[in-house]
């Protein structure tokens, strides 16, 4: 089943280069997310992730983002739905 959710993060100053972030996120497995960088110092990732349940979908996305951006601080998880 697919789950749709958004993770919003506060970024450290050294992690605000958008092109590098997008590349690192794709390499870390976040290629199932649409990435938004409209607010300075923040990033939002809208995922549609296949998983057995919502918890495992979110946890795997959290791990992937943390692998790509070590200094990212999670500020919000929104719109947890099955698609």
PDB file of N, CA and C in Angstrom:
ATOM      1  N   UNK A   1       0.841  -1.172   0.000  1.00  0.00           N
ATOM      2  CA  UNK A   1       0.000   0.000   0.000  1.00  0.00           C
ATOM      3  C   UNK A   1       0.892   1.244   0.000  1.00  0.00           C
ATOM      4  N   UNK A   2       0.414   2.313  -0.595  1.00  0.00           N
ATOM      5  CA  UNK A   2       1.149   3.578  -0.628  1.00  0.00           C
ATOM      6  C   UNK A   2       0.618   4.519   0.447  1.00  0.00           C
ATOM      7  N   UNK A   3       1.536   5.240   1.076  1.00  0.00           N
ATOM      8  CA  UNK A   3       1.183   6.215   2.103  1.00  0.00           C
ATOM      9  C   UNK A   3       1.697   7.582   1.693  1.00  0.00           C
ATOM     10  N   UNK A   4       0.856   8.592   1.882  1.00  0.00           N
ATOM     11  CA  UNK A   4       1.184   9.960   1.488  1.00  0.00           C
ATOM     12  C   UNK A   4       1.338  10.789   2.762  1.00  0.00           C
ATOM     13  N   UNK A   5       2.483  11.445   2.907  1.00  0.00           N
ATOM     14  CA  UNK A   5       2.761  12.254   4.087  1.00  0.00           C
ATOM     15  C   UNK A   5       3.855  13.262   3.752  1.00  0.00           C
ATOM     16  N   UNK A   6       3.945  14.279   4.576  1.00  0.00           N
ATOM     17  CA  UNK A   6       4.943  15.325   4.381  1.00  0.00           C
ATOM     18  C   UNK A   6       5.782  15.467   5.638  1.00  0.00           C
ATOM     19  N   UNK A   7       7.089  15.548   5.443  1.00  0.00           N
ATOM     20  CA  UNK A   7       8.024  15.800   6.534  1.00  0.00           C
ATOM     21  C   UNK A   7       8.608  17.192   6.331  1.00  0.00           C
ATOM     22  N   UNK A   8       8.587  17.994   7.396  1.00  0.00           N
ATOM     23  CA  UNK A   8       9.144  19.347   7.320  1.00  0.00           C
ATOM     24  C   UNK A   8      10.319  19.453   8.288  1.00  0.00           C
ATOM     25  N   UNK A   9      11.399  20.058   7.793  1.00  0.00           N
ATOM     26  CA  UNK A   9      12.638  20.144   8.556  1.00  0.00           C
ATOM     27  C   UNK A   9      13.178  21.561   8.607  1.00  0.00           C
ATOM     28  N   UNK A  10      13.846  21.863   9.718  1.00  0.00           N
ATOM     29  CA  UNK A  10      14.671  23.061   9.843  1.00  0.00           C
ATOM     30  C   UNK A  10      16.082  22.633   9.454  1.00  0.00           C
ATOM     31  N   UNK A  11      16.753  23.452   8.645  1.00  0.00           N
ATOM     32  CA  UNK A  11      18.093  23.123   8.174  1.00  0.00           C
ATOM     33  C   UNK A  11      19.147  23.962   8.878  1.00  0.00           C
ATOM     34  N   UNK A  12      20.321  23.365   9.067  1.00  0.00           N
ATOM     35  CA  UNK A  12      21.467  24.115   9.562  1.00  0.00           C
ATOM     36  C   UNK A  12      21.962  25.016   8.437  1.00  0.00           C
ATOM     37  N   UNK A  13      22.627  26.085   8.791  1.00  0.00           N
ATOM     38  CA  UNK A  13      23.121  27.045   7.803  1.00  0.00           C
ATOM     39  C   UNK A  13      23.968  26.374   6.734  1.00  0.00           C
ATOM     40  N   UNK A  14      24.789  25.420   7.124  1.00  0.00           N
ATOM     41  CA  UNK A  14      25.678  24.750   6.164  1.00  0.00           C
ATOM     42  C   UNK A  14      24.935  23.810   5.213  1.00  0.00           C
ATOM     43  N   UNK A  15      23.681  23.528   5.476  1.00  0.00           N
ATOM     44  CA  UNK A  15      22.897  22.623   4.629  1.00  0.00           C
ATOM     45  C   UNK A  15      21.820  23.347   3.825  1.00  0.00           C
ATOM     46  N   UNK A  16      22.066  24.561   3.429  1.00  0.00           N
ATOM     47  CA  UNK A  16      21.049  25.340   2.714  1.00  0.00           C
ATOM     48  C   UNK A  16      21.288  25.441   1.214  1.00  0.00           C
ATOM     49  N   UNK A  17      22.221  24.695   0.665  1.00  0.00           N
ATOM     50  CA  UNK A  17      22.463  24.687  -0.782  1.00  0.00           C
ATOM     51  C   UNK A  17      21.475  23.705  -1.408  1.00  0.00           C
ATOM     52  N   UNK A  18      20.434  24.223  -2.055  1.00  0.00           N
ATOM     53  CA  UNK A  18      19.306  23.410  -2.506  1.00  0.00           C
ATOM     54  C   UNK A  18      19.684  22.315  -3.495  1.00  0.00           C
ATOM     55  N   UNK A  19      20.492  22.614  -4.477  1.00  0.00           N
ATOM     56  CA  UNK A  19      20.847  21.604  -5.481  1.00  0.00           C
ATOM     57  C   UNK A  19      21.569  20.425  -4.846  1.00  0.00           C
ATOM     58  N   UNK A  20      22.481  20.700  -3.930  1.00  0.00           N
ATOM     59  CA  UNK A  20      23.204  19.629  -3.243  1.00  0.00           C
ATOM     60  C   UNK A  20      22.255  18.800  -2.387  1.00  0.00           C
ATOM     61  N   UNK A  21      21.315  19.460  -1.717  1.00  0.00           N
ATOM     62  CA  UNK A  21      20.352  18.742  -0.884  1.00  0.00           C
ATOM     63  C   UNK A  21      19.508  17.782  -1.711  1.00  0.00           C
ATOM     64  N   UNK A  22      19.006  18.248  -2.829  1.00  0.00           N
ATOM     65  CA  UNK A  22      18.168  17.411  -3.689  1.00  0.00           C
ATOM     66  C   UNK A  22      18.954  16.195  -4.158  1.00  0.00           C
ATOM     67  N   UNK A  23      20.198  16.401  -4.530  1.00  0.00           N
ATOM     68  CA  UNK A  23      21.051  15.301  -4.976  1.00  0.00           C
ATOM     69  C   UNK A  23      21.279  14.291  -3.852  1.00  0.00           C
ATOM     70  N   UNK A  24      21.625  14.789  -2.665  1.00  0.00           N
ATOM     71  CA  UNK A  24      21.881  13.902  -1.523  1.00  0.00           C
ATOM     72  C   UNK A  24      20.628  13.136  -1.117  1.00  0.00           C
ATOM     73  N   UNK A  25      19.485  13.795  -1.160  1.00  0.00           N
ATOM     74  CA  UNK A  25      18.233  13.126  -0.805  1.00  0.00           C
ATOM     75  C   UNK A  25      17.899  12.013  -1.795  1.00  0.00           C
ATOM     76  N   UNK A  26      18.089  12.255  -3.072  1.00  0.00           N
ATOM     77  CA  UNK A  26      17.834  11.220  -4.084  1.00  0.00           C
ATOM     78  C   UNK A  26      18.760  10.031  -3.871  1.00  0.00           C
ATOM     79  N   UNK A  27      20.030  10.299  -3.599  1.00  0.00           N
ATOM     80  CA  UNK A  27      20.996   9.222  -3.364  1.00  0.00           C
ATOM     81  C   UNK A  27      20.654   8.416  -2.113  1.00  0.00           C
ATOM     82  N   UNK A  28      20.008   9.052  -1.131  1.00  0.00           N
ATOM     83  CA  UNK A  28      19.659   8.388   0.124  1.00  0.00           C
ATOM     84  C   UNK A  28      18.339   7.627   0.041  1.00  0.00           C
ATOM     85  N   UNK A  29      17.653   7.667  -1.107  1.00  0.00           N
ATOM     86  CA  UNK A  29      16.416   6.909  -1.258  1.00  0.00           C
ATOM     87  C   UNK A  29      15.148   7.733  -1.195  1.00  0.00           C
ATOM     88  N   UNK A  30      15.265   9.047  -1.232  1.00  0.00           N
ATOM     89  CA  UNK A  30      14.088   9.919  -1.163  1.00  0.00           C
ATOM     90  C   UNK A  30      13.596  10.327  -2.542  1.00  0.00           C
ATOM     91  N   UNK A  31      13.791   9.464  -3.523  1.00  0.00           N
ATOM     92  CA  UNK A  31      13.346   9.775  -4.880  1.00  0.00           C
ATOM     93  C   UNK A  31      11.836   9.609  -5.044  1.00  0.00           C
ATOM     94  N   UNK A  32      11.149   9.215  -3.977  1.00  0.00           N
ATOM     95  CA  UNK A  32       9.686   9.126  -3.987  1.00  0.00           C
ATOM     96  C   UNK A  32       9.046  10.348  -3.316  1.00  0.00           C
ATOM     97  N   UNK A  33       9.829  11.421  -3.183  1.00  0.00           N
ATOM     98  CA  UNK A  33       9.339  12.645  -2.547  1.00  0.00           C
ATOM     99  C   UNK A  33       9.445  13.826  -3.500  1.00  0.00           C
ATOM    100  N   UNK A  34       8.487  14.729  -3.364  1.00  0.00           N
ATOM    101  CA  UNK A  34       8.569  16.029  -4.016  1.00  0.00           C
ATOM    102  C   UNK A  34       9.150  16.975  -2.977  1.00  0.00           C
ATOM    103  N   UNK A  35      10.200  17.698  -3.361  1.00  0.00           N
ATOM    104  CA  UNK A  35      10.950  18.504  -2.406  1.00  0.00           C
ATOM    105  C   UNK A  35      10.612  19.980  -2.577  1.00  0.00           C
ATOM    106  N   UNK A  36      10.294  20.627  -1.456  1.00  0.00           N
ATOM    107  CA  UNK A  36      10.006  22.051  -1.457  1.00  0.00           C
ATOM    108  C   UNK A  36      11.031  22.807  -0.631  1.00  0.00           C
ATOM    109  N   UNK A  37      11.561  23.889  -1.202  1.00  0.00           N
ATOM    110  CA  UNK A  37      12.580  24.686  -0.513  1.00  0.00           C
ATOM    111  C   UNK A  37      12.211  26.174  -0.529  1.00  0.00           C
ATOM    112  N   UNK A  38      10.944  26.492  -0.470  1.00  0.00           N
ATOM    113  CA  UNK A  38      10.482  27.867  -0.594  1.00  0.00           C
ATOM    114  C   UNK A  38      10.782  28.759   0.598  1.00  0.00           C
ATOM    115  N   UNK A  39      10.908  28.191   1.789  1.00  0.00           N
ATOM    116  CA  UNK A  39      11.198  28.985   2.974  1.00  0.00           C
ATOM    117  C   UNK A  39      12.682  28.882   3.302  1.00  0.00           C
ATOM    118  N   UNK A  40      13.355  30.003   3.497  1.00  0.00           N
ATOM    119  CA  UNK A  40      14.785  29.962   3.834  1.00  0.00           C
ATOM    120  C   UNK A  40      15.043  29.144   5.102  1.00  0.00           C
ATOM    121  N   UNK A  41      16.025  28.255   5.029  1.00  0.00           N
ATOM    122  CA  UNK A  41      16.398  27.451   6.183  1.00  0.00           C
ATOM    123  C   UNK A  41      15.490  26.276   6.463  1.00  0.00           C
ATOM    124  N   UNK A  42      14.559  26.004   5.558  1.00  0.00           N
ATOM    125  CA  UNK A  42      13.626  24.884   5.753  1.00  0.00           C
ATOM    126  C   UNK A  42      13.514  24.065   4.481  1.00  0.00           C
ATOM    127  N   UNK A  43      13.080  22.826   4.668  1.00  0.00           N
ATOM    128  CA  UNK A  43      12.816  21.950   3.532  1.00  0.00           C
ATOM    129  C   UNK A  43      11.592  21.105   3.874  1.00  0.00           C
ATOM    130  N   UNK A  44      10.754  20.866   2.882  1.00  0.00           N
ATOM    131  CA  UNK A  44       9.584  20.007   3.045  1.00  0.00           C
ATOM    132  C   UNK A  44       9.664  18.905   2.004  1.00  0.00           C
ATOM    133  N   UNK A  45       9.369  17.691   2.421  1.00  0.00           N
ATOM    134  CA  UNK A  45       9.389  16.546   1.520  1.00  0.00           C
ATOM    135  C   UNK A  45       8.020  15.881   1.548  1.00  0.00           C
ATOM    136  N   UNK A  46       7.328  15.896   0.423  1.00  0.00           N
ATOM    137  CA  UNK A  46       6.009  15.275   0.289  1.00  0.00           C
ATOM    138  C   UNK A  46       6.212  13.890  -0.315  1.00  0.00           C
ATOM    139  N   UNK A  47       6.060  12.868   0.508  1.00  0.00           N
ATOM    140  CA  UNK A  47       6.319  11.490   0.103  1.00  0.00           C
ATOM    141  C   UNK A  47       5.053  10.774  -0.340  1.00  0.00           C
ATOM    142  N   UNK A  48       5.203   9.875  -1.283  1.00  0.00           N
ATOM    143  CA  UNK A  48       4.250   8.817  -1.584  1.00  0.00           C
ATOM    144  C   UNK A  48       5.085   7.555  -1.524  1.00  0.00           C
ATOM    145  N   UNK A  49       5.001   6.847  -0.396  1.00  0.00           N
ATOM    146  CA  UNK A  49       5.915   5.740  -0.134  1.00  0.00           C
ATOM    147  C   UNK A  49       5.143   4.439   0.038  1.00  0.00           C
ATOM    148  N   UNK A  50       5.603   3.408  -0.676  1.00  0.00           N
ATOM    149  CA  UNK A  50       5.032   2.069  -0.541  1.00  0.00           C
ATOM    150  C   UNK A  50       5.596   1.403   0.705  1.00  0.00           C
ATOM    151  N   UNK A  51       4.709   0.805   1.487  1.00  0.00           N
ATOM    152  CA  UNK A  51       5.132   0.119   2.699  1.00  0.00           C
ATOM    153  C   UNK A  51       3.981  -0.735   3.215  1.00  0.00           C
ATOM    154  N   UNK A  52       4.290  -1.623   4.153  1.00  0.00           N
ATOM    155  CA  UNK A  52       3.271  -2.490   4.739  1.00  0.00           C
ATOM    156  C   UNK A  52       2.300  -1.707   5.618  1.00  0.00           C
ATOM    157  N   UNK A  53       2.789  -0.615   6.241  1.00  0.00           N
ATOM    158  CA  UNK A  53       1.933   0.207   7.089  1.00  0.00           C
ATOM    159  C   UNK A  53       2.483   1.626   7.166  1.00  0.00           C
ATOM    160  N   UNK A  54       1.682   2.528   7.703  1.00  0.00           N
ATOM    161  CA  UNK A  54       2.065   3.944   7.754  1.00  0.00           C
ATOM    162  C   UNK A  54       3.303   4.164   8.607  1.00  0.00           C
ATOM    163  N   UNK A  55       3.395   3.465   9.735  1.00  0.00           N
ATOM    164  CA  UNK A  55       4.552   3.643  10.614  1.00  0.00           C
ATOM    165  C   UNK A  55       5.858   3.312   9.913  1.00  0.00           C
ATOM    166  N   UNK A  56       5.897   2.189   9.222  1.00  0.00           N
ATOM    167  CA  UNK A  56       7.145   1.810   8.550  1.00  0.00           C
ATOM    168  C   UNK A  56       7.452   2.743   7.383  1.00  0.00           C
ATOM    169  N   UNK A  57       6.431   3.269   6.723  1.00  0.00           N
ATOM    170  CA  UNK A  57       6.656   4.233   5.638  1.00  0.00           C
ATOM    171  C   UNK A  57       7.312   5.494   6.182  1.00  0.00           C
ATOM    172  N   UNK A  58       6.777   6.007   7.271  1.00  0.00           N
ATOM    173  CA  UNK A  58       7.317   7.233   7.856  1.00  0.00           C
ATOM    174  C   UNK A  58       8.700   6.998   8.440  1.00  0.00           C
ATOM    175  N   UNK A  59       8.874   5.910   9.170  1.00  0.00           N
ATOM    176  CA  UNK A  59      10.183   5.632   9.769  1.00  0.00           C
ATOM    177  C   UNK A  59      11.270   5.473   8.718  1.00  0.00           C
ATOM    178  N   UNK A  60      10.964   4.800   7.629  1.00  0.00           N
ATOM    179  CA  UNK A  60      11.985   4.633   6.590  1.00  0.00           C
ATOM    180  C   UNK A  60      12.320   5.971   5.940  1.00  0.00           C
ATOM    181  N   UNK A  61      11.321   6.830   5.755  1.00  0.00           N
ATOM    182  CA  UNK A  61      11.576   8.160   5.190  1.00  0.00           C
ATOM    183  C   UNK A  61      12.415   9.001   6.150  1.00  0.00           C
ATOM    184  N   UNK A  62      12.093   8.947   7.433  1.00  0.00           N
ATOM    185  CA  UNK A  62      12.883   9.678   8.430  1.00  0.00           C
ATOM    186  C   UNK A  62      14.345   9.241   8.405  1.00  0.00           C
ATOM    187  N   UNK A  63      14.568   7.935   8.325  1.00  0.00           N
ATOM    188  CA  UNK A  63      15.939   7.410   8.267  1.00  0.00           C
ATOM    189  C   UNK A  63      16.651   7.861   7.004  1.00  0.00           C
ATOM    190  N   UNK A  64      15.954   7.831   5.888  1.00  0.00           N
ATOM    191  CA  UNK A  64      16.566   8.248   4.621  1.00  0.00           C
ATOM    192  C   UNK A  64      16.970   9.721   4.658  1.00  0.00           C
ATOM    193  N   UNK A  65      16.093  10.565   5.186  1.00  0.00           N
ATOM    194  CA  UNK A  65      16.403  11.993   5.267  1.00  0.00           C
ATOM    195  C   UNK A  65      17.578  12.221   6.210  1.00  0.00           C
ATOM    196  N   UNK A  66      17.574  11.552   7.350  1.00  0.00           N
ATOM    197  CA  UNK A  66      18.666  11.718   8.322  1.00  0.00           C
ATOM    198  C   UNK A  66      19.996  11.279   7.722  1.00  0.00           C
ATOM    199  N   UNK A  67      19.971  10.246   6.905  1.00  0.00           N
ATOM    200  CA  UNK A  67      21.191   9.780   6.231  1.00  0.00           C
ATOM    201  C   UNK A  67      21.710  10.843   5.263  1.00  0.00           C
ATOM    202  N   UNK A  68      20.811  11.545   4.608  1.00  0.00           N
ATOM    203  CA  UNK A  68      21.199  12.554   3.616  1.00  0.00           C
ATOM    204  C   UNK A  68      21.584  13.886   4.249  1.00  0.00           C
ATOM    205  N   UNK A  69      20.874  14.265   5.312  1.00  0.00           N
ATOM    206  CA  UNK A  69      21.081  15.574   5.939  1.00  0.00           C
ATOM    207  C   UNK A  69      21.193  15.369   7.451  1.00  0.00           C
ATOM    208  N   UNK A  70      22.397  15.127   7.921  1.00  0.00           N
ATOM    209  CA  UNK A  70      22.615  14.797   9.331  1.00  0.00           C
ATOM    210  C   UNK A  70      22.120  15.872  10.291  1.00  0.00           C
ATOM    211  N   UNK A  71      22.196  17.126   9.888  1.00  0.00           N
ATOM    212  CA  UNK A  71      21.847  18.222  10.791  1.00  0.00           C
ATOM    213  C   UNK A  71      20.377  18.628  10.720  1.00  0.00           C
ATOM    214  N   UNK A  72      19.592  17.992   9.869  1.00  0.00           N
ATOM    215  CA  UNK A  72      18.178  18.361   9.719  1.00  0.00           C
ATOM    216  C   UNK A  72      17.417  18.086  11.012  1.00  0.00           C
ATOM    217  N   UNK A  73      16.577  19.035  11.399  1.00  0.00           N
ATOM    218  CA  UNK A  73      15.778  18.908  12.613  1.00  0.00           C
ATOM    219  C   UNK A  73      14.298  18.837  12.213  1.00  0.00           C
ATOM    220  N   UNK A  74      13.672  17.699  12.476  1.00  0.00           N
ATOM    221  CA  UNK A  74      12.263  17.502  12.122  1.00  0.00           C
ATOM    222  C   UNK A  74      11.395  18.474  12.912  1.00  0.00           C
ATOM    223  N   UNK A  75      10.519  19.197  12.197  1.00  0.00           N
ATOM    224  CA  UNK A  75       9.624  20.123  12.886  1.00  0.00           C
ATOM    225  C   UNK A  75       8.146  19.760  12.727  1.00  0.00           C
ATOM    226  N   UNK A  76       7.824  18.929  11.719  1.00  0.00           N
ATOM    227  CA  UNK A  76       6.410  18.589  11.526  1.00  0.00           C
ATOM    228  C   UNK A  76       6.248  17.382  10.609  1.00  0.00           C
ATOM    229  N   UNK A  77       5.259  16.551  10.935  1.00  0.00           N
ATOM    230  CA  UNK A  77       4.814  15.453  10.071  1.00  0.00           C
ATOM    231  C   UNK A  77       3.334  15.711   9.814  1.00  0.00           C
ATOM    232  N   UNK A  78       2.946  15.766   8.522  1.00  0.00           N
ATOM    233  CA  UNK A  78       1.550  16.094   8.201  1.00  0.00           C
ATOM    234  C   UNK A  78       0.968  15.151   7.155  1.00  0.00           C
ATOM    235  N   UNK A  79      -0.361  15.092   7.119  1.00  0.00           N
ATOM    236  CA  UNK A  79      -1.134  14.407   6.081  1.00  0.00           C
ATOM    237  C   UNK A  79      -0.782  12.939   5.907  1.00  0.00           C
ATOM    238  N   UNK A  80      -0.904  12.179   6.958  1.00  0.00           N
ATOM    239  CA  UNK A  80      -0.643  10.754   6.876  1.00  0.00           C
ATOM    240  C   UNK A  80      -1.902  10.078   6.345  1.00  0.00           C
ATOM    241  N   UNK A  81      -1.833   9.617   5.108  1.00  0.00           N
ATOM    242  CA  UNK A  81      -2.973   8.997   4.442  1.00  0.00           C
ATOM    243  C   UNK A  81      -2.519   7.777   3.666  1.00  0.00           C
ATOM    244  N   UNK A  82      -3.421   6.871   3.424  1.00  0.00           N
ATOM    245  CA  UNK A  82      -3.112   5.786   2.491  1.00  0.00           C
ATOM    246  C   UNK A  82      -3.636   6.198   1.124  1.00  0.00           C
ATOM    247  N   UNK A  83      -2.870   5.866   0.106  1.00  0.00           N
ATOM    248  CA  UNK A  83      -3.259   6.258  -1.254  1.00  0.00           C
ATOM    249  C   UNK A  83      -3.813   5.081  -2.008  1.00  0.00           C
TER     250      UNK A  83
END
